[in-house]
PDB file of N, CA and C in Angstrom:
ATOM      1  N   UNK A   1     -14.379 322.720  32.162  1.00  0.00           N
ATOM      2  CA  UNK A   1     -13.989 322.533  30.782  1.00  0.00           C
ATOM      3  C   UNK A   1     -12.524 322.092  30.742  1.00  0.00           C
ATOM      4  N   UNK A   2     -12.259 321.073  29.969  1.00  0.00           N
ATOM      5  CA  UNK A   2     -10.898 320.559  29.837  1.00  0.00           C
ATOM      6  C   UNK A   2     -10.075 321.415  28.878  1.00  0.00           C
ATOM      7  N   UNK A   3      -8.794 321.566  29.167  1.00  0.00           N
ATOM      8  CA  UNK A   3      -7.933 322.213  28.185  1.00  0.00           C
ATOM      9  C   UNK A   3      -7.701 321.259  27.021  1.00  0.00           C
ATOM     10  N   UNK A   4      -7.199 321.787  25.939  1.00  0.00           N
ATOM     11  CA  UNK A   4      -6.886 320.974  24.761  1.00  0.00           C
ATOM     12  C   UNK A   4      -5.374 320.927  24.583  1.00  0.00           C
ATOM     13  N   UNK A   5      -4.867 319.879  23.948  1.00  0.00           N
ATOM     14  CA  UNK A   5      -3.439 319.844  23.680  1.00  0.00           C
ATOM     15  C   UNK A   5      -3.018 321.063  22.859  1.00  0.00           C
ATOM     16  N   UNK A   6      -1.935 321.689  23.256  1.00  0.00           N
ATOM     17  CA  UNK A   6      -1.397 322.811  22.506  1.00  0.00           C
ATOM     18  C   UNK A   6      -0.992 322.290  21.128  1.00  0.00           C
ATOM     19  N   UNK A   7      -1.446 322.929  20.051  1.00  0.00           N
ATOM     20  CA  UNK A   7      -1.113 322.433  18.711  1.00  0.00           C
ATOM     21  C   UNK A   7       0.386 322.486  18.400  1.00  0.00           C
ATOM     22  N   UNK A   8       1.162 323.192  19.219  1.00  0.00           N
ATOM     23  CA  UNK A   8       2.607 323.280  19.001  1.00  0.00           C
ATOM     24  C   UNK A   8       3.380 322.254  19.838  1.00  0.00           C
ATOM     25  N   UNK A   9       2.654 321.257  20.369  1.00  0.00           N
ATOM     26  CA  UNK A   9       3.276 320.222  21.189  1.00  0.00           C
ATOM     27  C   UNK A   9       3.215 318.887  20.456  1.00  0.00           C
ATOM     28  N   UNK A  10       4.363 318.227  20.406  1.00  0.00           N
ATOM     29  CA  UNK A  10       4.455 316.900  19.807  1.00  0.00           C
ATOM     30  C   UNK A  10       4.324 315.856  20.909  1.00  0.00           C
ATOM     31  N   UNK A  11       3.582 314.792  20.621  1.00  0.00           N
ATOM     32  CA  UNK A  11       3.357 313.692  21.556  1.00  0.00           C
ATOM     33  C   UNK A  11       3.988 312.441  20.981  1.00  0.00           C
ATOM     34  N   UNK A  12       4.851 311.790  21.749  1.00  0.00           N
ATOM     35  CA  UNK A  12       5.473 310.537  21.312  1.00  0.00           C
ATOM     36  C   UNK A  12       5.226 309.476  22.374  1.00  0.00           C
ATOM     37  N   UNK A  13       4.411 308.493  22.027  1.00  0.00           N
ATOM     38  CA  UNK A  13       4.126 307.389  22.925  1.00  0.00           C
ATOM     39  C   UNK A  13       5.357 306.493  23.035  1.00  0.00           C
ATOM     40  N   UNK A  14       5.592 306.008  24.261  1.00  0.00           N
ATOM     41  CA  UNK A  14       6.716 305.114  24.516  1.00  0.00           C
ATOM     42  C   UNK A  14       6.198 303.920  25.309  1.00  0.00           C
ATOM     43  N   UNK A  15       7.008 302.903  25.495  1.00  0.00           N
ATOM     44  CA  UNK A  15       6.560 301.688  26.173  1.00  0.00           C
ATOM     45  C   UNK A  15       6.122 301.932  27.616  1.00  0.00           C
ATOM     46  N   UNK A  16       6.727 302.891  28.294  1.00  0.00           N
ATOM     47  CA  UNK A  16       6.390 303.151  29.694  1.00  0.00           C
ATOM     48  C   UNK A  16       5.729 304.504  29.923  1.00  0.00           C
ATOM     49  N   UNK A  17       5.180 305.113  28.875  1.00  0.00           N
ATOM     50  CA  UNK A  17       4.521 306.413  28.995  1.00  0.00           C
ATOM     51  C   UNK A  17       4.607 307.187  27.702  1.00  0.00           C
ATOM     52  N   UNK A  18       5.042 308.442  27.814  1.00  0.00           N
ATOM     53  CA  UNK A  18       5.143 309.284  26.626  1.00  0.00           C
ATOM     54  C   UNK A  18       6.038 310.477  26.921  1.00  0.00           C
ATOM     55  N   UNK A  19       6.426 311.140  25.855  1.00  0.00           N
ATOM     56  CA  UNK A  19       7.190 312.376  25.959  1.00  0.00           C
ATOM     57  C   UNK A  19       6.446 313.440  25.170  1.00  0.00           C
ATOM     58  N   UNK A  20       6.362 314.634  25.765  1.00  0.00           N
ATOM     59  CA  UNK A  20       5.805 315.790  25.087  1.00  0.00           C
ATOM     60  C   UNK A  20       6.951 316.738  24.776  1.00  0.00           C
ATOM     61  N   UNK A  21       6.901 317.375  23.624  1.00  0.00           N
ATOM     62  CA  UNK A  21       7.900 318.380  23.269  1.00  0.00           C
ATOM     63  C   UNK A  21       7.199 319.588  22.682  1.00  0.00           C
ATOM     64  N   UNK A  22       7.424 320.740  23.283  1.00  0.00           N
ATOM     65  CA  UNK A  22       6.854 321.987  22.782  1.00  0.00           C
ATOM     66  C   UNK A  22       7.799 322.579  21.757  1.00  0.00           C
ATOM     67  N   UNK A  23       7.338 322.703  20.526  1.00  0.00           N
ATOM     68  CA  UNK A  23       8.147 323.319  19.487  1.00  0.00           C
ATOM     69  C   UNK A  23       8.184 324.832  19.650  1.00  0.00           C
ATOM     70  N   UNK A  24       7.315 325.358  20.483  1.00  0.00           N
ATOM     71  CA  UNK A  24       7.249 326.804  20.718  1.00  0.00           C
ATOM     72  C   UNK A  24       8.306 327.256  21.722  1.00  0.00           C
ATOM     73  N   UNK A  25       8.385 326.577  22.875  1.00  0.00           N
ATOM     74  CA  UNK A  25       9.329 327.008  23.913  1.00  0.00           C
ATOM     75  C   UNK A  25      10.354 325.927  24.270  1.00  0.00           C
ATOM     76  N   UNK A  26      10.455 324.881  23.432  1.00  0.00           N
ATOM     77  CA  UNK A  26      11.446 323.816  23.565  1.00  0.00           C
ATOM     78  C   UNK A  26      11.441 323.132  24.936  1.00  0.00           C
ATOM     79  N   UNK A  27      10.256 322.863  25.450  1.00  0.00           N
ATOM     80  CA  UNK A  27      10.096 322.153  26.717  1.00  0.00           C
ATOM     81  C   UNK A  27       9.854 320.678  26.432  1.00  0.00           C
ATOM     82  N   UNK A  28      10.639 319.822  27.101  1.00  0.00           N
ATOM     83  CA  UNK A  28      10.391 318.379  27.103  1.00  0.00           C
ATOM     84  C   UNK A  28       9.658 318.046  28.393  1.00  0.00           C
ATOM     85  N   UNK A  29       8.673 317.152  28.317  1.00  0.00           N
ATOM     86  CA  UNK A  29       7.898 316.788  29.496  1.00  0.00           C
ATOM     87  C   UNK A  29       7.612 315.298  29.414  1.00  0.00           C
ATOM     88  N   UNK A  30       8.022 314.549  30.428  1.00  0.00           N
ATOM     89  CA  UNK A  30       7.784 313.107  30.455  1.00  0.00           C
ATOM     90  C   UNK A  30       6.492 312.759  31.160  1.00  0.00           C
ATOM     91  N   UNK A  31       5.797 311.781  30.628  1.00  0.00           N
ATOM     92  CA  UNK A  31       4.554 311.289  31.220  1.00  0.00           C
ATOM     93  C   UNK A  31       4.688 309.797  31.491  1.00  0.00           C
ATOM     94  N   UNK A  32       4.186 309.351  32.653  1.00  0.00           N
ATOM     95  CA  UNK A  32       4.114 307.911  32.872  1.00  0.00           C
ATOM     96  C   UNK A  32       2.923 307.380  32.067  1.00  0.00           C
ATOM     97  N   UNK A  33       2.654 306.097  32.163  1.00  0.00           N
ATOM     98  CA  UNK A  33       1.594 305.517  31.335  1.00  0.00           C
ATOM     99  C   UNK A  33       0.218 306.110  31.628  1.00  0.00           C
ATOM    100  N   UNK A  34      -0.065 306.430  32.881  1.00  0.00           N
ATOM    101  CA  UNK A  34      -1.366 307.025  33.216  1.00  0.00           C
ATOM    102  C   UNK A  34      -1.429 308.470  32.700  1.00  0.00           C
ATOM    103  N   UNK A  35      -0.348 309.211  32.858  1.00  0.00           N
ATOM    104  CA  UNK A  35      -0.296 310.567  32.333  1.00  0.00           C
ATOM    105  C   UNK A  35      -0.471 310.593  30.824  1.00  0.00           C
ATOM    106  N   UNK A  36       0.139 309.619  30.133  1.00  0.00           N
ATOM    107  CA  UNK A  36      -0.028 309.513  28.684  1.00  0.00           C
ATOM    108  C   UNK A  36      -1.487 309.238  28.341  1.00  0.00           C
ATOM    109  N   UNK A  37      -2.138 308.412  29.155  1.00  0.00           N
ATOM    110  CA  UNK A  37      -3.558 308.117  28.907  1.00  0.00           C
ATOM    111  C   UNK A  37      -4.409 309.359  29.106  1.00  0.00           C
ATOM    112  N   UNK A  38      -4.100 310.161  30.117  1.00  0.00           N
ATOM    113  CA  UNK A  38      -4.824 311.421  30.319  1.00  0.00           C
ATOM    114  C   UNK A  38      -4.669 312.288  29.077  1.00  0.00           C
ATOM    115  N   UNK A  39      -3.442 312.409  28.569  1.00  0.00           N
ATOM    116  CA  UNK A  39      -3.200 313.222  27.371  1.00  0.00           C
ATOM    117  C   UNK A  39      -4.059 312.720  26.200  1.00  0.00           C
ATOM    118  N   UNK A  40      -4.108 311.400  26.027  1.00  0.00           N
ATOM    119  CA  UNK A  40      -4.890 310.816  24.934  1.00  0.00           C
ATOM    120  C   UNK A  40      -6.390 311.065  25.086  1.00  0.00           C
ATOM    121  N   UNK A  41      -6.858 311.273  26.327  1.00  0.00           N
ATOM    122  CA  UNK A  41      -8.289 311.489  26.576  1.00  0.00           C
ATOM    123  C   UNK A  41      -8.706 312.955  26.552  1.00  0.00           C
ATOM    124  N   UNK A  42      -7.736 313.859  26.378  1.00  0.00           N
ATOM    125  CA  UNK A  42      -8.098 315.281  26.282  1.00  0.00           C
ATOM    126  C   UNK A  42      -8.952 315.508  25.041  1.00  0.00           C
ATOM    127  N   UNK A  43      -9.683 316.633  24.979  1.00  0.00           N
ATOM    128  CA  UNK A  43     -10.541 316.893  23.821  1.00  0.00           C
ATOM    129  C   UNK A  43      -9.769 316.733  22.508  1.00  0.00           C
ATOM    130  N   UNK A  44     -10.446 316.167  21.543  1.00  0.00           N
ATOM    131  CA  UNK A  44     -11.883 315.978  21.423  1.00  0.00           C
ATOM    132  C   UNK A  44     -12.420 314.665  21.980  1.00  0.00           C
ATOM    133  N   UNK A  45     -11.564 313.791  22.535  1.00  0.00           N
ATOM    134  CA  UNK A  45     -12.037 312.490  23.026  1.00  0.00           C
ATOM    135  C   UNK A  45     -13.018 312.682  24.186  1.00  0.00           C
ATOM    136  N   UNK A  46     -12.627 313.426  25.199  1.00  0.00           N
ATOM    137  CA  UNK A  46     -13.501 313.730  26.334  1.00  0.00           C
ATOM    138  C   UNK A  46     -13.737 315.245  26.358  1.00  0.00           C
ATOM    139  N   UNK A  47     -14.955 315.629  26.666  1.00  0.00           N
ATOM    140  CA  UNK A  47     -15.293 317.051  26.668  1.00  0.00           C
ATOM    141  C   UNK A  47     -15.182 317.679  28.051  1.00  0.00           C
ATOM    142  N   UNK A  48     -15.332 316.865  29.100  1.00  0.00           N
ATOM    143  CA  UNK A  48     -15.352 317.423  30.449  1.00  0.00           C
ATOM    144  C   UNK A  48     -14.387 316.677  31.369  1.00  0.00           C
ATOM    145  N   UNK A  49     -14.027 317.337  32.449  1.00  0.00           N
ATOM    146  CA  UNK A  49     -13.178 316.747  33.470  1.00  0.00           C
ATOM    147  C   UNK A  49     -13.842 315.486  34.024  1.00  0.00           C
ATOM    148  N   UNK A  50     -15.133 315.556  34.299  1.00  0.00           N
ATOM    149  CA  UNK A  50     -15.869 314.415  34.840  1.00  0.00           C
ATOM    150  C   UNK A  50     -15.830 313.225  33.878  1.00  0.00           C
ATOM    151  N   UNK A  51     -16.026 313.492  32.597  1.00  0.00           N
ATOM    152  CA  UNK A  51     -15.995 312.421  31.600  1.00  0.00           C
ATOM    153  C   UNK A  51     -14.611 311.765  31.551  1.00  0.00           C
ATOM    154  N   UNK A  52     -13.568 312.564  31.583  1.00  0.00           N
ATOM    155  CA  UNK A  52     -12.207 312.035  31.566  1.00  0.00           C
ATOM    156  C   UNK A  52     -11.955 311.156  32.796  1.00  0.00           C
ATOM    157  N   UNK A  53     -12.337 311.646  33.964  1.00  0.00           N
ATOM    158  CA  UNK A  53     -12.131 310.885  35.205  1.00  0.00           C
ATOM    159  C   UNK A  53     -12.965 309.610  35.228  1.00  0.00           C
ATOM    160  N   UNK A  54     -14.155 309.645  34.672  1.00  0.00           N
ATOM    161  CA  UNK A  54     -15.000 308.459  34.593  1.00  0.00           C
ATOM    162  C   UNK A  54     -14.341 307.400  33.716  1.00  0.00           C
ATOM    163  N   UNK A  55     -13.764 307.822  32.602  1.00  0.00           N
ATOM    164  CA  UNK A  55     -13.066 306.879  31.715  1.00  0.00           C
ATOM    165  C   UNK A  55     -11.862 306.267  32.436  1.00  0.00           C
ATOM    166  N   UNK A  56     -11.093 307.101  33.135  1.00  0.00           N
ATOM    167  CA  UNK A  56      -9.933 306.588  33.872  1.00  0.00           C
ATOM    168  C   UNK A  56     -10.358 305.638  34.984  1.00  0.00           C
ATOM    169  N   UNK A  57     -11.441 305.956  35.683  1.00  0.00           N
ATOM    170  CA  UNK A  57     -11.928 305.098  36.767  1.00  0.00           C
ATOM    171  C   UNK A  57     -12.330 303.722  36.227  1.00  0.00           C
ATOM    172  N   UNK A  58     -12.882 303.679  35.024  1.00  0.00           N
ATOM    173  CA  UNK A  58     -13.247 302.406  34.411  1.00  0.00           C
ATOM    174  C   UNK A  58     -11.998 301.610  34.018  1.00  0.00           C
ATOM    175  N   UNK A  59     -10.946 302.318  33.610  1.00  0.00           N
ATOM    176  CA  UNK A  59      -9.710 301.660  33.186  1.00  0.00           C
ATOM    177  C   UNK A  59      -8.823 301.253  34.362  1.00  0.00           C
ATOM    178  N   UNK A  60      -8.968 301.973  35.478  1.00  0.00           N
ATOM    179  CA  UNK A  60      -8.163 301.709  36.678  1.00  0.00           C
ATOM    180  C   UNK A  60      -9.091 301.558  37.886  1.00  0.00           C
ATOM    181  N   UNK A  61      -9.882 300.455  37.939  1.00  0.00           N
ATOM    182  CA  UNK A  61     -10.880 300.293  38.996  1.00  0.00           C
ATOM    183  C   UNK A  61     -10.276 300.156  40.398  1.00  0.00           C
ATOM    184  N   UNK A  62      -8.986 299.840  40.488  1.00  0.00           N
ATOM    185  CA  UNK A  62      -8.345 299.689  41.786  1.00  0.00           C
ATOM    186  C   UNK A  62      -7.992 301.037  42.431  1.00  0.00           C
ATOM    187  N   UNK A  63      -8.146 302.132  41.692  1.00  0.00           N
ATOM    188  CA  UNK A  63      -7.810 303.470  42.189  1.00  0.00           C
ATOM    189  C   UNK A  63      -9.101 304.214  42.519  1.00  0.00           C
ATOM    190  N   UNK A  64      -9.137 304.863  43.680  1.00  0.00           N
ATOM    191  CA  UNK A  64     -10.349 305.592  44.074  1.00  0.00           C
ATOM    192  C   UNK A  64     -10.583 306.802  43.168  1.00  0.00           C
ATOM    193  N   UNK A  65     -11.830 307.156  43.023  1.00  0.00           N
ATOM    194  CA  UNK A  65     -12.201 308.309  42.199  1.00  0.00           C
ATOM    195  C   UNK A  65     -11.534 309.573  42.726  1.00  0.00           C
ATOM    196  N   UNK A  66     -11.460 309.718  44.035  1.00  0.00           N
ATOM    197  CA  UNK A  66     -10.839 310.904  44.631  1.00  0.00           C
ATOM    198  C   UNK A  66      -9.365 311.022  44.215  1.00  0.00           C
ATOM    199  N   UNK A  67      -8.637 309.913  44.249  1.00  0.00           N
ATOM    200  CA  UNK A  67      -7.218 309.910  43.858  1.00  0.00           C
ATOM    201  C   UNK A  67      -7.083 310.262  42.378  1.00  0.00           C
ATOM    202  N   UNK A  68      -7.947 309.693  41.553  1.00  0.00           N
ATOM    203  CA  UNK A  68      -7.918 309.994  40.113  1.00  0.00           C
ATOM    204  C   UNK A  68      -8.126 311.482  39.888  1.00  0.00           C
ATOM    205  N   UNK A  69      -9.156 312.056  40.494  1.00  0.00           N
ATOM    206  CA  UNK A  69      -9.452 313.473  40.298  1.00  0.00           C
ATOM    207  C   UNK A  69      -8.309 314.362  40.777  1.00  0.00           C
ATOM    208  N   UNK A  70      -7.745 314.042  41.931  1.00  0.00           N
ATOM    209  CA  UNK A  70      -6.636 314.829  42.477  1.00  0.00           C
ATOM    210  C   UNK A  70      -5.423 314.764  41.554  1.00  0.00           C
ATOM    211  N   UNK A  71      -5.089 313.563  41.105  1.00  0.00           N
ATOM    212  CA  UNK A  71      -3.924 313.392  40.241  1.00  0.00           C
ATOM    213  C   UNK A  71      -4.113 314.059  38.879  1.00  0.00           C
ATOM    214  N   UNK A  72      -5.309 313.964  38.312  1.00  0.00           N
ATOM    215  CA  UNK A  72      -5.566 314.587  37.014  1.00  0.00           C
ATOM    216  C   UNK A  72      -5.501 316.115  37.145  1.00  0.00           C
ATOM    217  N   UNK A  73      -6.056 316.673  38.211  1.00  0.00           N
ATOM    218  CA  UNK A  73      -5.964 318.125  38.414  1.00  0.00           C
ATOM    219  C   UNK A  73      -4.519 318.574  38.513  1.00  0.00           C
ATOM    220  N   UNK A  74      -3.706 317.813  39.232  1.00  0.00           N
ATOM    221  CA  UNK A  74      -2.292 318.164  39.379  1.00  0.00           C
ATOM    222  C   UNK A  74      -1.567 318.086  38.033  1.00  0.00           C
ATOM    223  N   UNK A  75      -1.837 317.035  37.269  1.00  0.00           N
ATOM    224  CA  UNK A  75      -1.204 316.901  35.960  1.00  0.00           C
ATOM    225  C   UNK A  75      -1.619 318.042  35.037  1.00  0.00           C
ATOM    226  N   UNK A  76      -2.911 318.352  34.985  1.00  0.00           N
ATOM    227  CA  UNK A  76      -3.381 319.440  34.122  1.00  0.00           C
ATOM    228  C   UNK A  76      -2.757 320.767  34.526  1.00  0.00           C
ATOM    229  N   UNK A  77      -2.570 320.972  35.822  1.00  0.00           N
ATOM    230  CA  UNK A  77      -1.911 322.185  36.301  1.00  0.00           C
ATOM    231  C   UNK A  77      -0.459 322.238  35.819  1.00  0.00           C
ATOM    232  N   UNK A  78       0.240 321.114  35.923  1.00  0.00           N
ATOM    233  CA  UNK A  78       1.626 321.051  35.450  1.00  0.00           C
ATOM    234  C   UNK A  78       1.706 321.296  33.942  1.00  0.00           C
ATOM    235  N   UNK A  79       0.820 320.664  33.189  1.00  0.00           N
ATOM    236  CA  UNK A  79       0.813 320.856  31.736  1.00  0.00           C
ATOM    237  C   UNK A  79       0.521 322.303  31.385  1.00  0.00           C
ATOM    238  N   UNK A  80      -0.392 322.914  32.120  1.00  0.00           N
ATOM    239  CA  UNK A  80      -0.734 324.313  31.881  1.00  0.00           C
ATOM    240  C   UNK A  80       0.440 325.236  32.205  1.00  0.00           C
ATOM    241  N   UNK A  81       1.125 324.976  33.317  1.00  0.00           N
ATOM    242  CA  UNK A  81       2.233 325.847  33.711  1.00  0.00           C
ATOM    243  C   UNK A  81       3.383 325.779  32.709  1.00  0.00           C
ATOM    244  N   UNK A  82       3.488 324.670  31.966  1.00  0.00           N
ATOM    245  CA  UNK A  82       4.518 324.542  30.934  1.00  0.00           C
ATOM    246  C   UNK A  82       3.969 324.886  29.542  1.00  0.00           C
ATOM    247  N   UNK A  83       2.733 325.373  29.504  1.00  0.00           N
ATOM    248  CA  UNK A  83       2.077 325.775  28.248  1.00  0.00           C
ATOM    249  C   UNK A  83       1.973 324.629  27.231  1.00  0.00           C
ATOM    250  N   UNK A  84       1.750 323.429  27.759  1.00  0.00           N
ATOM    251  CA  UNK A  84       1.599 322.256  26.906  1.00  0.00           C
ATOM    252  C   UNK A  84       0.141 322.002  26.536  1.00  0.00           C
ATOM    253  N   UNK A  85      -0.765 322.646  27.261  1.00  0.00           N
ATOM    254  CA  UNK A  85      -2.190 322.604  26.937  1.00  0.00           C
ATOM    255  C   UNK A  85      -2.677 324.037  26.773  1.00  0.00           C
ATOM    256  N   UNK A  86      -3.789 324.174  26.086  1.00  0.00           N
ATOM    257  CA  UNK A  86      -4.375 325.483  25.826  1.00  0.00           C
ATOM    258  C   UNK A  86      -5.801 325.510  26.347  1.00  0.00           C
ATOM    259  N   UNK A  87      -6.249 326.664  26.748  1.00  0.00           N
ATOM    260  CA  UNK A  87      -7.616 326.848  27.226  1.00  0.00           C
ATOM    261  C   UNK A  87      -8.529 326.985  26.018  1.00  0.00           C
ATOM    262  N   UNK A  88      -9.621 326.220  26.033  1.00  0.00           N
ATOM    263  CA  UNK A  88     -10.601 326.348  24.947  1.00  0.00           C
ATOM    264  C   UNK A  88     -11.352 327.652  25.112  1.00  0.00           C
ATOM    265  N   UNK A  89     -11.564 328.336  24.002  1.00  0.00           N
ATOM    266  CA  UNK A  89     -12.317 329.586  24.007  1.00  0.00           C
ATOM    267  C   UNK A  89     -13.603 329.341  23.232  1.00  0.00           C
ATOM    268  N   UNK A  90     -14.734 329.430  23.928  1.00  0.00           N
ATOM    269  CA  UNK A  90     -16.038 329.181  23.300  1.00  0.00           C
ATOM    270  C   UNK A  90     -16.635 330.483  22.772  1.00  0.00           C
ATOM    271  N   UNK A  91     -17.426 330.365  21.725  1.00  0.00           N
ATOM    272  CA  UNK A  91     -18.226 331.480  21.251  1.00  0.00           C
ATOM    273  C   UNK A  91     -17.455 332.564  20.506  1.00  0.00           C
ATOM    274  N   UNK A  92     -16.390 332.224  19.823  1.00  0.00           N
ATOM    275  CA  UNK A  92     -15.672 333.208  19.025  1.00  0.00           C
ATOM    276  C   UNK A  92     -16.115 333.074  17.576  1.00  0.00           C
ATOM    277  N   UNK A  93     -17.294 333.562  17.286  1.00  0.00           N
ATOM    278  CA  UNK A  93     -17.816 333.502  15.922  1.00  0.00           C
ATOM    279  C   UNK A  93     -17.911 332.075  15.444  1.00  0.00           C
ATOM    280  N   UNK A  94     -17.417 331.830  14.226  1.00  0.00           N
ATOM    281  CA  UNK A  94     -17.439 330.495  13.656  1.00  0.00           C
ATOM    282  C   UNK A  94     -16.320 329.618  14.193  1.00  0.00           C
ATOM    283  N   UNK A  95     -15.419 330.177  14.995  1.00  0.00           N
ATOM    284  CA  UNK A  95     -14.294 329.417  15.499  1.00  0.00           C
ATOM    285  C   UNK A  95     -14.514 329.025  16.952  1.00  0.00           C
ATOM    286  N   UNK A  96     -15.622 328.356  17.242  1.00  0.00           N
ATOM    287  CA  UNK A  96     -15.938 327.991  18.620  1.00  0.00           C
ATOM    288  C   UNK A  96     -14.931 327.011  19.211  1.00  0.00           C
ATOM    289  N   UNK A  97     -14.139 326.368  18.372  1.00  0.00           N
ATOM    290  CA  UNK A  97     -13.113 325.455  18.874  1.00  0.00           C
ATOM    291  C   UNK A  97     -11.738 326.092  18.909  1.00  0.00           C
ATOM    292  N   UNK A  98     -11.672 327.422  18.784  1.00  0.00           N
ATOM    293  CA  UNK A  98     -10.383 328.114  18.812  1.00  0.00           C
ATOM    294  C   UNK A  98      -9.720 327.913  20.164  1.00  0.00           C
ATOM    295  N   UNK A  99      -8.423 327.998  20.169  1.00  0.00           N
ATOM    296  CA  UNK A  99      -7.684 327.843  21.416  1.00  0.00           C
ATOM    297  C   UNK A  99      -6.757 329.023  21.613  1.00  0.00           C
ATOM    298  N   UNK A 100      -6.352 329.216  22.864  1.00  0.00           N
ATOM    299  CA  UNK A 100      -5.330 330.205  23.164  1.00  0.00           C
ATOM    300  C   UNK A 100      -4.465 329.634  24.262  1.00  0.00           C
ATOM    301  N   UNK A 101      -3.261 330.074  24.314  1.00  0.00           N
ATOM    302  CA  UNK A 101      -2.349 329.634  25.346  1.00  0.00           C
ATOM    303  C   UNK A 101      -2.528 330.574  26.519  1.00  0.00           C
ATOM    304  N   UNK A 102      -2.735 330.049  27.741  1.00  0.00           N
ATOM    305  CA  UNK A 102      -2.941 330.923  28.884  1.00  0.00           C
ATOM    306  C   UNK A 102      -1.702 331.783  29.133  1.00  0.00           C
ATOM    307  N   UNK A 103      -1.935 333.074  29.383  1.00  0.00           N
ATOM    308  CA  UNK A 103      -0.835 333.988  29.658  1.00  0.00           C
ATOM    309  C   UNK A 103      -0.209 333.684  31.010  1.00  0.00           C
ATOM    310  N   UNK A 104      -1.026 333.326  31.970  1.00  0.00           N
ATOM    311  CA  UNK A 104      -0.557 333.021  33.325  1.00  0.00           C
ATOM    312  C   UNK A 104      -1.080 331.649  33.697  1.00  0.00           C
ATOM    313  N   UNK A 105      -0.196 330.745  33.985  1.00  0.00           N
ATOM    314  CA  UNK A 105      -0.618 329.391  34.363  1.00  0.00           C
ATOM    315  C   UNK A 105      -1.206 329.412  35.770  1.00  0.00           C
ATOM    316  N   UNK A 106      -2.241 328.619  35.968  1.00  0.00           N
ATOM    317  CA  UNK A 106      -2.867 328.510  37.274  1.00  0.00           C
ATOM    318  C   UNK A 106      -3.319 327.103  37.525  1.00  0.00           C
ATOM    319  N   UNK A 107      -3.858 326.860  38.682  1.00  0.00           N
ATOM    320  CA  UNK A 107      -4.376 325.533  39.024  1.00  0.00           C
ATOM    321  C   UNK A 107      -5.568 325.210  38.153  1.00  0.00           C
ATOM    322  N   UNK A 108      -5.636 323.949  37.723  1.00  0.00           N
ATOM    323  CA  UNK A 108      -6.757 323.490  36.900  1.00  0.00           C
ATOM    324  C   UNK A 108      -7.967 323.271  37.762  1.00  0.00           C
TER     325      UNK A 108
END
């Protein structure tokens, strides 16, 4: 399951990537153009890690699927450790799309 963008994070697209800013803990995080694309493909655009990687593989056919998966896992881990993404929590009554910020960041 893919994490979702933390609702307290601002995303600003730039010519060579993007910048994320957490209004909660005042963290700035720079993304290159591929990292910005990963951010744009997070839910609700893509629901699963496989779906996200498949979309990236179609957009970057010169890059092997293994490299894409490795790089996306590393990026998601970095975003999680800075609390820029939130873990989706399923099955919480009527709020099945509720999110929470992970207390302890770990590998994606």
